[in-house]
Amino acid sequence: MPVQTMQSIAEHQLFKAGLPIVAAALIGSVTWLFVTVMAAEKEIHLLKEGKIPAIELKLIELMDLTEDIEGDVEDLHTKLTDVRIDHSGMKQRLQSNPADRHMDRE
């Protein structure tokens, strides 16, 4: 009797239609669990080593930005010094004024 019951269940249309779906869901969930555990293990390993990729990328970007800002500040400092020495172009205007050259000769 149990063999006939099992055989009738195996021949049933719902069982035939549902078995591939259940098998695919089971394989998919096991695969997802495996991938999740492997990713978590990798992150734990990186944390133990002190290497966190997202933070390292941000740190590299900030270092590049800091170097750019340092260069800009140095350029600004140079220009400001030139303006202080030049007195907003007064020195150049005085050198190009012919009347001032005449006064220097005397």
PDB file of N, CA and C in Angstrom:
ATOM      1  N   MET A   1       0.778  -1.200   0.000  1.00  0.00           N
ATOM      2  CA  MET A   1       0.000   0.000   0.000  1.00  0.00           C
ATOM      3  C   MET A   1       0.829   1.278   0.000  1.00  0.00           C
ATOM      4  N   PRO A   2       1.877   1.413   0.850  1.00  0.00           N
ATOM      5  CA  PRO A   2       2.632   2.657   0.841  1.00  0.00           C
ATOM      6  C   PRO A   2       3.287   2.928  -0.507  1.00  0.00           C
ATOM      7  N   VAL A   3       3.624   1.882  -1.253  1.00  0.00           N
ATOM      8  CA  VAL A   3       4.262   2.062  -2.548  1.00  0.00           C
ATOM      9  C   VAL A   3       3.252   2.661  -3.524  1.00  0.00           C
ATOM     10  N   GLN A   4       2.037   2.212  -3.453  1.00  0.00           N
ATOM     11  CA  GLN A   4       1.012   2.744  -4.334  1.00  0.00           C
ATOM     12  C   GLN A   4       0.697   4.203  -3.987  1.00  0.00           C
ATOM     13  N   THR A   5       0.724   4.534  -2.703  1.00  0.00           N
ATOM     14  CA  THR A   5       0.469   5.905  -2.277  1.00  0.00           C
ATOM     15  C   THR A   5       1.592   6.822  -2.764  1.00  0.00           C
ATOM     16  N   MET A   6       2.816   6.371  -2.615  1.00  0.00           N
ATOM     17  CA  MET A   6       3.962   7.162  -3.076  1.00  0.00           C
ATOM     18  C   MET A   6       3.911   7.325  -4.593  1.00  0.00           C
ATOM     19  N   GLN A   7       3.525   6.275  -5.282  1.00  0.00           N
ATOM     20  CA  GLN A   7       3.450   6.325  -6.731  1.00  0.00           C
ATOM     21  C   GLN A   7       2.345   7.266  -7.183  1.00  0.00           C
ATOM     22  N   SER A   8       1.266   7.283  -6.489  1.00  0.00           N
ATOM     23  CA  SER A   8       0.172   8.182  -6.864  1.00  0.00           C
ATOM     24  C   SER A   8       0.548   9.642  -6.589  1.00  0.00           C
ATOM     25  N   ILE A   9       1.307   9.872  -5.517  1.00  0.00           N
ATOM     26  CA  ILE A   9       1.768  11.235  -5.228  1.00  0.00           C
ATOM     27  C   ILE A   9       2.751  11.685  -6.303  1.00  0.00           C
ATOM     28  N   ALA A  10       3.666  10.832  -6.701  1.00  0.00           N
ATOM     29  CA  ALA A  10       4.671  11.179  -7.711  1.00  0.00           C
ATOM     30  C   ALA A  10       4.043  11.439  -9.068  1.00  0.00           C
ATOM     31  N   GLU A  11       2.926  10.809  -9.356  1.00  0.00           N
ATOM     32  CA  GLU A  11       2.260  11.011 -10.639  1.00  0.00           C
ATOM     33  C   GLU A  11       1.295  12.192 -10.611  1.00  0.00           C
ATOM     34  N   HIS A  12       1.073  12.778  -9.480  1.00  0.00           N
ATOM     35  CA  HIS A  12       0.119  13.888  -9.372  1.00  0.00           C
ATOM     36  C   HIS A  12       0.669  15.121 -10.093  1.00  0.00           C
ATOM     37  N   GLN A  13      -0.191  15.879 -10.771  1.00  0.00           N
ATOM     38  CA  GLN A  13       0.222  17.018 -11.589  1.00  0.00           C
ATOM     39  C   GLN A  13       0.793  18.164 -10.743  1.00  0.00           C
ATOM     40  N   LEU A  14       0.230  18.424  -9.585  1.00  0.00           N
ATOM     41  CA  LEU A  14       0.760  19.506  -8.731  1.00  0.00           C
ATOM     42  C   LEU A  14       2.171  19.188  -8.249  1.00  0.00           C
ATOM     43  N   PHE A  15       2.403  17.907  -7.948  1.00  0.00           N
ATOM     44  CA  PHE A  15       3.741  17.508  -7.509  1.00  0.00           C
ATOM     45  C   PHE A  15       4.731  17.668  -8.655  1.00  0.00           C
ATOM     46  N   LYS A  16       4.309  17.281  -9.850  1.00  0.00           N
ATOM     47  CA  LYS A  16       5.186  17.419 -11.010  1.00  0.00           C
ATOM     48  C   LYS A  16       5.473  18.881 -11.330  1.00  0.00           C
ATOM     49  N   ALA A  17       4.522  19.736 -11.132  1.00  0.00           N
ATOM     50  CA  ALA A  17       4.718  21.165 -11.417  1.00  0.00           C
ATOM     51  C   ALA A  17       5.482  21.869 -10.296  1.00  0.00           C
ATOM     52  N   GLY A  18       5.257  21.452  -9.068  1.00  0.00           N
ATOM     53  CA  GLY A  18       5.852  22.143  -7.922  1.00  0.00           C
ATOM     54  C   GLY A  18       7.260  21.715  -7.584  1.00  0.00           C
ATOM     55  N   LEU A  19       7.635  20.507  -7.922  1.00  0.00           N
ATOM     56  CA  LEU A  19       8.966  20.001  -7.562  1.00  0.00           C
ATOM     57  C   LEU A  19      10.097  20.835  -8.159  1.00  0.00           C
ATOM     58  N   PRO A  20      10.087  21.222  -9.430  1.00  0.00           N
ATOM     59  CA  PRO A  20      11.175  22.062  -9.949  1.00  0.00           C
ATOM     60  C   PRO A  20      11.240  23.433  -9.282  1.00  0.00           C
ATOM     61  N   ILE A  21      10.086  23.983  -8.960  1.00  0.00           N
ATOM     62  CA  ILE A  21      10.070  25.301  -8.282  1.00  0.00           C
ATOM     63  C   ILE A  21      10.663  25.187  -6.887  1.00  0.00           C
ATOM     64  N   VAL A  22      10.274  24.156  -6.156  1.00  0.00           N
ATOM     65  CA  VAL A  22      10.810  23.948  -4.807  1.00  0.00           C
ATOM     66  C   VAL A  22      12.310  23.680  -4.869  1.00  0.00           C
ATOM     67  N   ALA A  23      12.740  22.879  -5.834  1.00  0.00           N
ATOM     68  CA  ALA A  23      14.172  22.576  -5.965  1.00  0.00           C
ATOM     69  C   ALA A  23      14.961  23.841  -6.317  1.00  0.00           C
ATOM     70  N   ALA A  24      14.424  24.664  -7.234  1.00  0.00           N
ATOM     71  CA  ALA A  24      15.114  25.906  -7.603  1.00  0.00           C
ATOM     72  C   ALA A  24      15.181  26.862  -6.413  1.00  0.00           C
ATOM     73  N   ALA A  25      14.108  26.966  -5.645  1.00  0.00           N
ATOM     74  CA  ALA A  25      14.094  27.833  -4.461  1.00  0.00           C
ATOM     75  C   ALA A  25      15.098  27.342  -3.424  1.00  0.00           C
ATOM     76  N   LEU A  26      15.172  26.035  -3.240  1.00  0.00           N
ATOM     77  CA  LEU A  26      16.118  25.472  -2.280  1.00  0.00           C
ATOM     78  C   LEU A  26      17.560  25.732  -2.716  1.00  0.00           C
ATOM     79  N   ILE A  27      17.855  25.498  -3.979  1.00  0.00           N
ATOM     80  CA  ILE A  27      19.210  25.746  -4.485  1.00  0.00           C
ATOM     81  C   ILE A  27      19.555  27.232  -4.391  1.00  0.00           C
ATOM     82  N   GLY A  28      18.614  28.092  -4.757  1.00  0.00           N
ATOM     83  CA  GLY A  28      18.851  29.540  -4.689  1.00  0.00           C
ATOM     84  C   GLY A  28      19.100  30.030  -3.280  1.00  0.00           C
ATOM     85  N   SER A  29      18.316  29.546  -2.324  1.00  0.00           N
ATOM     86  CA  SER A  29      18.496  30.005  -0.943  1.00  0.00           C
ATOM     87  C   SER A  29      19.814  29.497  -0.361  1.00  0.00           C
ATOM     88  N   VAL A  30      20.195  28.281  -0.686  1.00  0.00           N
ATOM     89  CA  VAL A  30      21.474  27.751  -0.205  1.00  0.00           C
ATOM     90  C   VAL A  30      22.630  28.535  -0.821  1.00  0.00           C
ATOM     91  N   THR A  31      22.519  28.858  -2.096  1.00  0.00           N
ATOM     92  CA  THR A  31      23.557  29.661  -2.760  1.00  0.00           C
ATOM     93  C   THR A  31      23.654  31.036  -2.132  1.00  0.00           C
ATOM     94  N   TRP A  32      22.518  31.673  -1.877  1.00  0.00           N
ATOM     95  CA  TRP A  32      22.504  33.006  -1.253  1.00  0.00           C
ATOM     96  C   TRP A  32      23.152  32.953   0.133  1.00  0.00           C
ATOM     97  N   LEU A  33      22.817  31.945   0.922  1.00  0.00           N
ATOM     98  CA  LEU A  33      23.424  31.803   2.250  1.00  0.00           C
ATOM     99  C   LEU A  33      24.942  31.629   2.138  1.00  0.00           C
ATOM    100  N   PHE A  34      25.385  30.811   1.201  1.00  0.00           N
ATOM    101  CA  PHE A  34      26.813  30.582   1.017  1.00  0.00           C
ATOM    102  C   PHE A  34      27.532  31.876   0.656  1.00  0.00           C
ATOM    103  N   VAL A  35      26.976  32.634  -0.300  1.00  0.00           N
ATOM    104  CA  VAL A  35      27.595  33.887  -0.729  1.00  0.00           C
ATOM    105  C   VAL A  35      27.607  34.900   0.413  1.00  0.00           C
ATOM    106  N   THR A  36      26.532  34.963   1.165  1.00  0.00           N
ATOM    107  CA  THR A  36      26.454  35.900   2.294  1.00  0.00           C
ATOM    108  C   THR A  36      27.488  35.561   3.360  1.00  0.00           C
ATOM    109  N   VAL A  37      27.624  34.295   3.672  1.00  0.00           N
ATOM    110  CA  VAL A  37      28.605  33.880   4.678  1.00  0.00           C
ATOM    111  C   VAL A  37      30.024  34.174   4.192  1.00  0.00           C
ATOM    112  N   MET A  38      30.300  33.925   2.929  1.00  0.00           N
ATOM    113  CA  MET A  38      31.640  34.203   2.393  1.00  0.00           C
ATOM    114  C   MET A  38      31.937  35.702   2.418  1.00  0.00           C
ATOM    115  N   ALA A  39      30.957  36.534   2.077  1.00  0.00           N
ATOM    116  CA  ALA A  39      31.171  37.985   2.107  1.00  0.00           C
ATOM    117  C   ALA A  39      31.395  38.468   3.529  1.00  0.00           C
ATOM    118  N   ALA A  40      30.630  37.928   4.466  1.00  0.00           N
ATOM    119  CA  ALA A  40      30.798  38.314   5.872  1.00  0.00           C
ATOM    120  C   ALA A  40      32.171  37.885   6.381  1.00  0.00           C
ATOM    121  N   GLU A  41      32.596  36.705   5.987  1.00  0.00           N
ATOM    122  CA  GLU A  41      33.919  36.222   6.411  1.00  0.00           C
ATOM    123  C   GLU A  41      35.032  37.114   5.850  1.00  0.00           C
ATOM    124  N   LYS A  42      34.879  37.549   4.610  1.00  0.00           N
ATOM    125  CA  LYS A  42      35.871  38.435   4.000  1.00  0.00           C
ATOM    126  C   LYS A  42      35.922  39.771   4.739  1.00  0.00           C
ATOM    127  N   GLU A  43      34.753  40.328   5.069  1.00  0.00           N
ATOM    128  CA  GLU A  43      34.721  41.598   5.799  1.00  0.00           C
ATOM    129  C   GLU A  43      35.329  41.463   7.191  1.00  0.00           C
ATOM    130  N   ILE A  44      35.058  40.370   7.857  1.00  0.00           N
ATOM    131  CA  ILE A  44      35.642  40.137   9.180  1.00  0.00           C
ATOM    132  C   ILE A  44      37.159  40.036   9.073  1.00  0.00           C
ATOM    133  N   HIS A  45      37.644  39.357   8.044  1.00  0.00           N
ATOM    134  CA  HIS A  45      39.091  39.243   7.829  1.00  0.00           C
ATOM    135  C   HIS A  45      39.711  40.624   7.599  1.00  0.00           C
ATOM    136  N   LEU A  46      39.040  41.460   6.787  1.00  0.00           N
ATOM    137  CA  LEU A  46      39.557  42.806   6.526  1.00  0.00           C
ATOM    138  C   LEU A  46      39.523  43.659   7.793  1.00  0.00           C
ATOM    139  N   LEU A  47      38.495  43.495   8.594  1.00  0.00           N
ATOM    140  CA  LEU A  47      38.415  44.256   9.841  1.00  0.00           C
ATOM    141  C   LEU A  47      39.529  43.856  10.807  1.00  0.00           C
ATOM    142  N   LYS A  48      39.820  42.560  10.851  1.00  0.00           N
ATOM    143  CA  LYS A  48      40.902  42.101  11.730  1.00  0.00           C
ATOM    144  C   LYS A  48      42.248  42.663  11.286  1.00  0.00           C
ATOM    145  N   GLU A  49      42.442  42.790   9.964  1.00  0.00           N
ATOM    146  CA  GLU A  49      43.693  43.346   9.445  1.00  0.00           C
ATOM    147  C   GLU A  49      43.721  44.863   9.517  1.00  0.00           C
ATOM    148  N   GLY A  50      42.581  45.466   9.765  1.00  0.00           N
ATOM    149  CA  GLY A  50      42.515  46.921   9.834  1.00  0.00           C
ATOM    150  C   GLY A  50      42.361  47.575   8.481  1.00  0.00           C
ATOM    151  N   LYS A  51      41.952  46.818   7.497  1.00  0.00           N
ATOM    152  CA  LYS A  51      41.780  47.360   6.160  1.00  0.00           C
ATOM    153  C   LYS A  51      40.293  47.343   5.810  1.00  0.00           C
ATOM    154  N   ILE A  52      39.730  48.518   5.710  1.00  0.00           N
ATOM    155  CA  ILE A  52      38.334  48.628   5.324  1.00  0.00           C
ATOM    156  C   ILE A  52      38.315  49.370   3.991  1.00  0.00           C
ATOM    157  N   PRO A  53      37.935  48.705   2.915  1.00  0.00           N
ATOM    158  CA  PRO A  53      38.046  49.299   1.574  1.00  0.00           C
ATOM    159  C   PRO A  53      37.322  50.626   1.415  1.00  0.00           C
ATOM    160  N   ALA A  54      36.123  50.747   1.931  1.00  0.00           N
ATOM    161  CA  ALA A  54      35.358  51.990   1.742  1.00  0.00           C
ATOM    162  C   ALA A  54      36.059  53.153   2.429  1.00  0.00           C
ATOM    163  N   ILE A  55      36.563  52.927   3.629  1.00  0.00           N
ATOM    164  CA  ILE A  55      37.243  53.991   4.364  1.00  0.00           C
ATOM    165  C   ILE A  55      38.565  54.328   3.691  1.00  0.00           C
ATOM    166  N   GLU A  56      39.271  53.306   3.190  1.00  0.00           N
ATOM    167  CA  GLU A  56      40.539  53.564   2.509  1.00  0.00           C
ATOM    168  C   GLU A  56      40.333  54.400   1.249  1.00  0.00           C
ATOM    169  N   LEU A  57      39.277  54.115   0.497  1.00  0.00           N
ATOM    170  CA  LEU A  57      38.999  54.900  -0.708  1.00  0.00           C
ATOM    171  C   LEU A  57      38.697  56.349  -0.360  1.00  0.00           C
ATOM    172  N   LYS A  58      37.894  56.561   0.674  1.00  0.00           N
ATOM    173  CA  LYS A  58      37.588  57.924   1.102  1.00  0.00           C
ATOM    174  C   LYS A  58      38.856  58.626   1.578  1.00  0.00           C
ATOM    175  N   LEU A  59      39.709  57.910   2.282  1.00  0.00           N
ATOM    176  CA  LEU A  59      40.950  58.490   2.780  1.00  0.00           C
ATOM    177  C   LEU A  59      41.860  58.899   1.625  1.00  0.00           C
ATOM    178  N   ILE A  60      41.939  58.067   0.601  1.00  0.00           N
ATOM    179  CA  ILE A  60      42.757  58.401  -0.572  1.00  0.00           C
ATOM    180  C   ILE A  60      42.196  59.630  -1.281  1.00  0.00           C
ATOM    181  N   GLU A  61      40.859  59.697  -1.419  1.00  0.00           N
ATOM    182  CA  GLU A  61      40.235  60.859  -2.057  1.00  0.00           C
ATOM    183  C   GLU A  61      40.517  62.128  -1.246  1.00  0.00           C
ATOM    184  N   LEU A  62      40.422  62.023   0.072  1.00  0.00           N
ATOM    185  CA  LEU A  62      40.676  63.195   0.912  1.00  0.00           C
ATOM    186  C   LEU A  62      42.137  63.623   0.854  1.00  0.00           C
ATOM    187  N   MET A  63      43.049  62.658   0.750  1.00  0.00           N
ATOM    188  CA  MET A  63      44.461  63.013   0.643  1.00  0.00           C
ATOM    189  C   MET A  63      44.726  63.735  -0.668  1.00  0.00           C
ATOM    190  N   ASP A  64      44.124  63.265  -1.763  1.00  0.00           N
ATOM    191  CA  ASP A  64      44.281  63.940  -3.055  1.00  0.00           C
ATOM    192  C   ASP A  64      43.700  65.347  -2.998  1.00  0.00           C
ATOM    193  N   LEU A  65      42.549  65.481  -2.374  1.00  0.00           N
ATOM    194  CA  LEU A  65      41.918  66.786  -2.243  1.00  0.00           C
ATOM    195  C   LEU A  65      42.776  67.722  -1.395  1.00  0.00           C
ATOM    196  N   THR A  66      43.373  67.186  -0.338  1.00  0.00           N
ATOM    197  CA  THR A  66      44.230  67.991   0.526  1.00  0.00           C
ATOM    198  C   THR A  66      45.457  68.479  -0.240  1.00  0.00           C
ATOM    199  N   GLU A  67      46.039  67.597  -1.059  1.00  0.00           N
ATOM    200  CA  GLU A  67      47.196  68.009  -1.854  1.00  0.00           C
ATOM    201  C   GLU A  67      46.805  69.100  -2.847  1.00  0.00           C
ATOM    202  N   ASP A  68      45.636  68.973  -3.450  1.00  0.00           N
ATOM    203  CA  ASP A  68      45.162  70.005  -4.376  1.00  0.00           C
ATOM    204  C   ASP A  68      44.958  71.330  -3.646  1.00  0.00           C
ATOM    205  N   ILE A  69      44.381  71.257  -2.470  1.00  0.00           N
ATOM    206  CA  ILE A  69      44.129  72.483  -1.699  1.00  0.00           C
ATOM    207  C   ILE A  69      45.449  73.111  -1.261  1.00  0.00           C
ATOM    208  N   GLU A  70      46.413  72.277  -0.862  1.00  0.00           N
ATOM    209  CA  GLU A  70      47.716  72.808  -0.465  1.00  0.00           C
ATOM    210  C   GLU A  70      48.369  73.552  -1.627  1.00  0.00           C
ATOM    211  N   GLY A  71      48.290  72.988  -2.820  1.00  0.00           N
ATOM    212  CA  GLY A  71      48.850  73.654  -4.002  1.00  0.00           C
ATOM    213  C   GLY A  71      48.138  74.964  -4.287  1.00  0.00           C
ATOM    214  N   ASP A  72      46.821  74.971  -4.145  1.00  0.00           N
ATOM    215  CA  ASP A  72      46.049  76.195  -4.368  1.00  0.00           C
ATOM    216  C   ASP A  72      46.392  77.259  -3.334  1.00  0.00           C
ATOM    217  N   VAL A  73      46.574  76.847  -2.080  1.00  0.00           N
ATOM    218  CA  VAL A  73      46.921  77.799  -1.026  1.00  0.00           C
ATOM    219  C   VAL A  73      48.307  78.386  -1.278  1.00  0.00           C
ATOM    220  N   GLU A  74      49.245  77.556  -1.723  1.00  0.00           N
ATOM    221  CA  GLU A  74      50.588  78.059  -2.026  1.00  0.00           C
ATOM    222  C   GLU A  74      50.535  79.065  -3.179  1.00  0.00           C
ATOM    223  N   ASP A  75      49.756  78.767  -4.217  1.00  0.00           N
ATOM    224  CA  ASP A  75      49.604  79.702  -5.335  1.00  0.00           C
ATOM    225  C   ASP A  75      48.970  81.011  -4.874  1.00  0.00           C
ATOM    226  N   LEU A  76      47.958  80.891  -4.031  1.00  0.00           N
ATOM    227  CA  LEU A  76      47.295  82.082  -3.508  1.00  0.00           C
ATOM    228  C   LEU A  76      48.250  82.908  -2.653  1.00  0.00           C
ATOM    229  N   HIS A  77      49.063  82.230  -1.841  1.00  0.00           N
ATOM    230  CA  HIS A  77      50.042  82.922  -1.003  1.00  0.00           C
ATOM    231  C   HIS A  77      51.065  83.666  -1.869  1.00  0.00           C
ATOM    232  N   THR A  78      51.508  83.017  -2.953  1.00  0.00           N
ATOM    233  CA  THR A  78      52.465  83.652  -3.866  1.00  0.00           C
ATOM    234  C   THR A  78      51.854  84.880  -4.517  1.00  0.00           C
ATOM    235  N   LYS A  79      50.623  84.760  -4.987  1.00  0.00           N
ATOM    236  CA  LYS A  79      49.955  85.898  -5.612  1.00  0.00           C
ATOM    237  C   LYS A  79      49.726  87.029  -4.617  1.00  0.00           C
ATOM    238  N   LEU A  80      49.354  86.683  -3.406  1.00  0.00           N
ATOM    239  CA  LEU A  80      49.135  87.700  -2.377  1.00  0.00           C
ATOM    240  C   LEU A  80      50.432  88.423  -2.047  1.00  0.00           C
ATOM    241  N   THR A  81      51.515  87.674  -1.988  1.00  0.00           N
ATOM    242  CA  THR A  81      52.820  88.296  -1.737  1.00  0.00           C
ATOM    243  C   THR A  81      53.195  89.229  -2.883  1.00  0.00           C
ATOM    244  N   ASP A  82      52.948  88.794  -4.107  1.00  0.00           N
ATOM    245  CA  ASP A  82      53.233  89.654  -5.257  1.00  0.00           C
ATOM    246  C   ASP A  82      52.401  90.929  -5.211  1.00  0.00           C
ATOM    247  N   VAL A  83      51.163  90.823  -4.805  1.00  0.00           N
ATOM    248  CA  VAL A  83      50.302  92.002  -4.717  1.00  0.00           C
ATOM    249  C   VAL A  83      50.795  92.925  -3.607  1.00  0.00           C
ATOM    250  N   ARG A  84      51.210  92.374  -2.501  1.00  0.00           N
ATOM    251  CA  ARG A  84      51.717  93.206  -1.409  1.00  0.00           C
ATOM    252  C   ARG A  84      52.980  93.952  -1.838  1.00  0.00           C
ATOM    253  N   ILE A  85      53.864  93.256  -2.529  1.00  0.00           N
ATOM    254  CA  ILE A  85      55.107  93.879  -2.968  1.00  0.00           C
ATOM    255  C   ILE A  85      54.823  94.899  -4.057  1.00  0.00           C
ATOM    256  N   ASP A  86      53.895  94.573  -4.935  1.00  0.00           N
ATOM    257  CA  ASP A  86      53.612  95.414  -6.091  1.00  0.00           C
ATOM    258  C   ASP A  86      52.684  96.573  -5.748  1.00  0.00           C
ATOM    259  N   HIS A  87      52.055  96.557  -4.604  1.00  0.00           N
ATOM    260  CA  HIS A  87      51.120  97.605  -4.174  1.00  0.00           C
ATOM    261  C   HIS A  87      50.042  97.839  -5.206  1.00  0.00           C
ATOM    262  N   SER A  88      49.385  96.746  -5.587  1.00  0.00           N
ATOM    263  CA  SER A  88      48.260  96.766  -6.530  1.00  0.00           C
ATOM    264  C   SER A  88      48.654  97.368  -7.874  1.00  0.00           C
ATOM    265  N   GLY A  89      49.845  97.154  -8.323  1.00  0.00           N
ATOM    266  CA  GLY A  89      50.264  97.621  -9.642  1.00  0.00           C
ATOM    267  C   GLY A  89      50.837  99.022  -9.643  1.00  0.00           C
ATOM    268  N   MET A  90      50.967  99.665  -8.501  1.00  0.00           N
ATOM    269  CA  MET A  90      51.484 101.031  -8.436  1.00  0.00           C
ATOM    270  C   MET A  90      52.926 101.079  -8.931  1.00  0.00           C
ATOM    271  N   LYS A  91      53.705 100.089  -8.574  1.00  0.00           N
ATOM    272  CA  LYS A  91      55.104 100.063  -8.964  1.00  0.00           C
ATOM    273  C   LYS A  91      55.230 100.018 -10.486  1.00  0.00           C
ATOM    274  N   GLN A  92      54.401  99.188 -11.114  1.00  0.00           N
ATOM    275  CA  GLN A  92      54.446  99.099 -12.572  1.00  0.00           C
ATOM    276  C   GLN A  92      53.974 100.390 -13.208  1.00  0.00           C
ATOM    277  N   ARG A  93      52.945 101.019 -12.654  1.00  0.00           N
ATOM    278  CA  ARG A  93      52.446 102.274 -13.222  1.00  0.00           C
ATOM    279  C   ARG A  93      53.486 103.380 -13.088  1.00  0.00           C
ATOM    280  N   LEU A  94      54.197 103.376 -11.981  1.00  0.00           N
ATOM    281  CA  LEU A  94      55.210 104.414 -11.785  1.00  0.00           C
ATOM    282  C   LEU A  94      56.383 104.217 -12.744  1.00  0.00           C
ATOM    283  N   GLN A  95      56.749 102.979 -12.992  1.00  0.00           N
ATOM    284  CA  GLN A  95      57.863 102.724 -13.896  1.00  0.00           C
ATOM    285  C   GLN A  95      57.501 103.076 -15.340  1.00  0.00           C
ATOM    286  N   SER A  96      56.240 102.959 -15.683  1.00  0.00           N
ATOM    287  CA  SER A  96      55.854 103.243 -17.058  1.00  0.00           C
ATOM    288  C   SER A  96      55.485 104.711 -17.273  1.00  0.00           C
ATOM    289  N   ASN A  97      55.432 105.510 -16.226  1.00  0.00           N
ATOM    290  CA  ASN A  97      55.087 106.931 -16.342  1.00  0.00           C
ATOM    291  C   ASN A  97      56.331 107.719 -16.763  1.00  0.00           C
ATOM    292  N   PRO A  98      56.301 108.388 -17.921  1.00  0.00           N
ATOM    293  CA  PRO A  98      57.485 109.123 -18.387  1.00  0.00           C
ATOM    294  C   PRO A  98      57.839 110.310 -17.497  1.00  0.00           C
ATOM    295  N   ALA A  99      56.875 110.886 -16.815  1.00  0.00           N
ATOM    296  CA  ALA A  99      57.159 112.036 -15.948  1.00  0.00           C
ATOM    297  C   ALA A  99      58.015 111.607 -14.768  1.00  0.00           C
ATOM    298  N   ASP A 100      57.773 110.408 -14.285  1.00  0.00           N
ATOM    299  CA  ASP A 100      58.570 109.917 -13.168  1.00  0.00           C
ATOM    300  C   ASP A 100      60.012 109.643 -13.590  1.00  0.00           C
ATOM    301  N   ARG A 101      60.199 109.221 -14.797  1.00  0.00           N
ATOM    302  CA  ARG A 101      61.557 108.983 -15.273  1.00  0.00           C
ATOM    303  C   ARG A 101      62.330 110.309 -15.378  1.00  0.00           C
ATOM    304  N   HIS A 102      61.636 111.345 -15.781  1.00  0.00           N
ATOM    305  CA  HIS A 102      62.265 112.661 -15.885  1.00  0.00           C
ATOM    306  C   HIS A 102      62.682 113.162 -14.505  1.00  0.00           C
ATOM    307  N   MET A 103      61.891 112.906 -13.482  1.00  0.00           N
ATOM    308  CA  MET A 103      62.218 113.373 -12.147  1.00  0.00           C
ATOM    309  C   MET A 103      63.394 112.594 -11.564  1.00  0.00           C
ATOM    310  N   ASP A 104      63.530 111.323 -11.952  1.00  0.00           N
ATOM    311  CA  ASP A 104      64.628 110.529 -11.448  1.00  0.00           C
ATOM    312  C   ASP A 104      65.972 111.006 -11.978  1.00  0.00           C
ATOM    313  N   ARG A 105      65.992 111.611 -13.151  1.00  0.00           N
ATOM    314  CA  ARG A 105      67.244 112.062 -13.744  1.00  0.00           C
ATOM    315  C   ARG A 105      67.813 113.256 -13.016  1.00  0.00           C
ATOM    316  N   GLU A 106      66.966 114.057 -12.452  1.00  0.00           N
ATOM    317  CA  GLU A 106      67.436 115.278 -11.791  1.00  0.00           C
ATOM    318  C   GLU A 106      68.066 114.973 -10.509  1.00  0.00           C
TER     319      GLU A 106
END
